[in-house]
Amino acid sequence: MNEVQALIQWISSLVSEYLYVGVFIAAIIETVFPPIPTAAIFPFAGYFASQNGMSVIEVFGLGISGGAGATIGSTVIYLVCIKLGRVAMLRYLKYARISEQKLARIETWFERHGEKAVFFGRMVPVLREMISIPAGLFKMSPIKFVLYTFCGSCVWSIALTFVGYYFGQVTLGII
C-alpha cells in the first residue's frame, strides 16, 4: 500500500470514528494536500451516515462540517500566498508544473471573475485548491474570500455527501 492509499485509509477511519469532527479534519487535510481526493471523503461520509440511520438534516450537517474544514484549509493556502507573494510562489508552483505564463493566464482570468471565481472554483476538482492562490496573490478581501469559499465549499461538500447518502439508501433498499 503506497502513502496516498494509507492516508486515504486513515482518513476513512477518521470519518467513520469521529463523523462530524472527522469530516471537518479530513476536509482541511484534503484541501491543503491535494493528492487526497475529495471523492474519498464526502461520499464516504454520506454512505456511512445512511448505513447508520442518520437523518437528512444530519447529513446536511456533515456537508456543512466539510465546508467549514475546506474553508480553513483554503484560507491557509490563501494566507501563505499573501505572505510569500508572486515571486516566491512561482518557485513553489514549478513543482506543480505551473509556469509563469500559466500563472499569468490564471491571474488575468481572476482579475475578470474574482469573487465568482472563488465561489464556483470551490466546486471544480483541482481548481478547488488552486483558486486560493490567485485570491491570495491579488490580496482579495479576507472577509469576501472566506465568505465565498465557505459558500462554494458547502455546496460542493453537501452535494457529494448526499450522493454517498443516496447510494447508501439504495443499497439498503430504501430508495
Protein backbone atom coordinates (compact mmCIF):
# COMPACT_ATOMS: atom_id res chain seq x y z
CA MET A 1 0.00 0.00 0.00
CA ASN A 2 1.52 3.35 -1.00
CA GLU A 3 1.45 6.51 1.12
CA VAL A 4 -1.60 8.06 -0.54
CA GLN A 5 -3.63 4.87 -0.10
CA ALA A 6 -2.55 4.64 3.54
CA LEU A 7 -3.58 8.26 4.07
CA ILE A 8 -6.97 7.66 2.43
CA GLN A 9 -7.46 4.62 4.66
CA TRP A 10 -6.59 6.70 7.73
CA ILE A 11 -8.98 9.46 6.67
CA SER A 12 -11.76 6.91 6.11
CA SER A 13 -11.30 5.61 9.64
CA LEU A 14 -11.17 9.19 10.94
CA VAL A 15 -14.53 9.94 9.29
CA SER A 16 -16.17 6.71 10.46
CA GLU A 17 -14.94 7.05 14.05
CA TYR A 18 -15.41 10.78 14.63
CA LEU A 19 -18.00 11.64 11.97
CA TYR A 20 -18.54 15.46 12.12
CA VAL A 21 -15.11 16.23 13.57
CA GLY A 22 -13.61 13.58 11.28
CA VAL A 23 -15.19 15.13 8.19
CA PHE A 24 -14.05 18.59 9.33
CA ILE A 25 -10.43 17.47 9.83
CA ALA A 26 -10.42 15.36 6.65
CA ALA A 27 -11.66 18.38 4.65
CA ILE A 28 -8.84 20.53 6.00
CA ILE A 29 -6.30 17.85 5.08
CA GLU A 30 -7.68 17.21 1.57
CA THR A 31 -7.66 20.92 0.81
CA VAL A 32 -4.09 21.54 1.93
CA PHE A 33 -2.73 18.26 0.49
CA PRO A 34 -4.43 17.84 -2.93
CA PRO A 35 -3.36 14.23 -3.59
CA ILE A 36 -6.23 13.22 -1.28
CA PRO A 37 -9.34 13.15 -3.45
CA THR A 38 -12.49 14.86 -2.22
CA ALA A 39 -14.39 11.86 -3.52
CA ALA A 40 -12.73 9.78 -0.82
CA ILE A 41 -14.23 11.88 1.98
CA PHE A 42 -17.69 13.30 1.37
CA PRO A 43 -19.43 10.43 -0.43
CA PHE A 44 -17.96 8.03 2.12
CA ALA A 45 -19.31 10.18 4.96
CA GLY A 46 -22.76 10.24 3.32
CA TYR A 47 -22.71 6.50 2.75
CA PHE A 48 -21.62 5.91 6.35
CA ALA A 49 -24.44 8.19 7.54
CA SER A 50 -27.03 6.24 5.53
CA GLN A 51 -25.80 2.94 6.89
CA ASN A 52 -26.13 4.26 10.45
CA GLY A 53 -29.66 5.62 10.10
CA MET A 54 -28.77 9.30 10.19
CA SER A 55 -31.40 11.80 9.09
CA VAL A 56 -31.21 14.12 6.10
CA ILE A 57 -30.65 17.05 8.49
CA GLU A 58 -27.65 15.25 9.99
CA VAL A 59 -26.25 14.58 6.51
CA PHE A 60 -26.68 18.27 5.71
CA GLY A 61 -24.68 18.98 8.89
CA LEU A 62 -21.91 16.68 7.68
CA GLY A 63 -21.72 18.72 4.48
CA ILE A 64 -21.54 21.97 6.43
CA SER A 65 -18.80 20.47 8.61
CA GLY A 66 -16.86 19.56 5.49
CA GLY A 67 -17.42 23.02 4.01
CA ALA A 68 -16.04 24.60 7.19
CA GLY A 69 -12.97 22.36 7.11
CA ALA A 70 -12.34 23.09 3.44
CA THR A 71 -12.64 26.81 4.18
CA ILE A 72 -9.96 26.61 6.85
CA GLY A 73 -7.67 24.61 4.54
CA SER A 74 -8.22 27.08 1.69
CA THR A 75 -7.59 30.01 4.00
CA VAL A 76 -4.22 28.52 4.94
CA ILE A 77 -3.25 28.44 1.25
CA TYR A 78 -4.65 31.97 0.76
CA LEU A 79 -2.62 33.35 3.69
CA VAL A 80 0.57 31.61 2.53
CA CYS A 81 0.14 33.24 -0.90
CA ILE A 82 -0.38 36.66 0.65
CA LYS A 83 2.72 36.20 2.81
CA LEU A 84 5.03 34.76 0.14
CA GLY A 85 3.95 36.87 -2.82
CA ARG A 86 4.15 36.12 -6.53
CA VAL A 87 7.92 35.65 -6.93
CA ALA A 88 8.19 33.14 -4.10
CA MET A 89 5.02 31.33 -5.23
CA LEU A 90 6.49 30.84 -8.70
CA ARG A 91 9.38 28.91 -7.14
CA TYR A 92 6.95 26.52 -5.43
CA LEU A 93 4.43 26.32 -8.26
CA LYS A 94 7.03 24.98 -10.69
CA TYR A 95 6.85 21.70 -8.73
CA ALA A 96 3.14 21.57 -9.60
CA ARG A 97 4.09 22.26 -13.26
CA ILE A 98 2.61 25.74 -13.22
CA SER A 99 4.76 28.09 -15.29
CA GLU A 100 4.89 31.87 -15.09
CA GLN A 101 2.84 32.04 -18.32
CA LYS A 102 0.17 29.75 -16.91
CA LEU A 103 0.08 31.78 -13.69
CA ALA A 104 -0.27 34.98 -15.74
CA ARG A 105 -3.30 33.49 -17.56
CA ILE A 106 -4.83 32.48 -14.23
CA GLU A 107 -4.24 35.98 -12.87
CA THR A 108 -5.87 37.62 -15.91
CA TRP A 109 -8.86 35.32 -15.59
CA PHE A 110 -9.04 36.00 -11.84
CA GLU A 111 -8.98 39.78 -12.38
CA ARG A 112 -12.11 39.44 -14.53
CA HIS A 113 -14.03 36.98 -12.38
CA GLY A 114 -12.61 37.36 -8.81
CA GLU A 115 -15.40 36.63 -6.34
CA LYS A 116 -17.37 34.42 -8.73
CA ALA A 117 -14.17 32.51 -9.45
CA VAL A 118 -13.68 31.75 -5.76
CA PHE A 119 -17.30 30.67 -5.26
CA PHE A 120 -17.59 28.48 -8.36
CA GLY A 121 -13.95 27.41 -8.25
CA ARG A 122 -14.62 25.63 -4.94
CA MET A 123 -16.90 23.27 -6.87
CA VAL A 124 -14.45 22.25 -9.59
CA PRO A 125 -11.97 19.44 -8.96
CA VAL A 126 -8.32 20.59 -8.96
CA LEU A 127 -9.38 24.24 -9.20
CA ARG A 128 -10.80 23.83 -5.67
CA GLU A 129 -7.35 24.14 -4.14
CA MET A 130 -5.79 26.30 -6.85
CA ILE A 131 -8.28 29.16 -6.62
CA SER A 132 -6.83 30.20 -3.26
CA ILE A 133 -3.53 31.05 -4.95
CA PRO A 134 -4.66 33.97 -7.14
CA ALA A 135 -7.02 35.13 -4.38
CA GLY A 136 -4.03 35.39 -2.05
CA LEU A 137 -1.69 36.86 -4.65
CA PHE A 138 -4.26 39.55 -5.51
CA LYS A 139 -4.92 40.12 -1.82
CA MET A 140 -8.65 39.59 -2.19
CA SER A 141 -10.55 40.90 0.83
CA PRO A 142 -10.20 38.24 3.57
CA ILE A 143 -13.89 38.55 4.51
CA LYS A 144 -15.02 38.08 0.90
CA PHE A 145 -12.55 35.22 0.42
CA VAL A 146 -13.80 33.34 3.49
CA LEU A 147 -17.47 34.01 2.66
CA TYR A 148 -17.27 32.88 -0.99
CA THR A 149 -15.01 29.96 -0.10
CA PHE A 150 -17.33 28.76 2.66
CA CYS A 151 -20.44 29.03 0.49
CA GLY A 152 -18.85 27.29 -2.51
CA SER A 153 -17.25 24.63 -0.31
CA CYS A 154 -20.57 23.91 1.40
CA VAL A 155 -22.39 23.48 -1.92
CA TRP A 156 -19.70 21.02 -3.04
CA SER A 157 -19.42 19.05 0.19
CA ILE A 158 -23.18 18.88 0.77
CA ALA A 159 -23.76 17.66 -2.80
CA LEU A 160 -21.10 14.94 -2.56
CA THR A 161 -22.25 13.90 0.90
CA PHE A 162 -25.79 13.48 -0.39
CA VAL A 163 -24.51 11.42 -3.33
CA GLY A 164 -22.97 8.98 -0.85
CA TYR A 165 -26.10 9.07 1.30
CA TYR A 166 -28.30 8.33 -1.72
CA PHE A 167 -26.21 5.33 -2.75
CA GLY A 168 -26.26 4.11 0.83
CA GLN A 169 -30.04 4.32 0.82
CA VAL A 170 -30.14 2.39 -2.46
CA THR A 171 -28.00 -0.39 -1.01
CA LEU A 172 -30.35 -0.59 1.98
CA GLY A 173 -33.32 -0.90 -0.40
CA ILE A 174 -34.95 2.27 0.97
CA ILE A 175 -34.93 4.01 -2.41
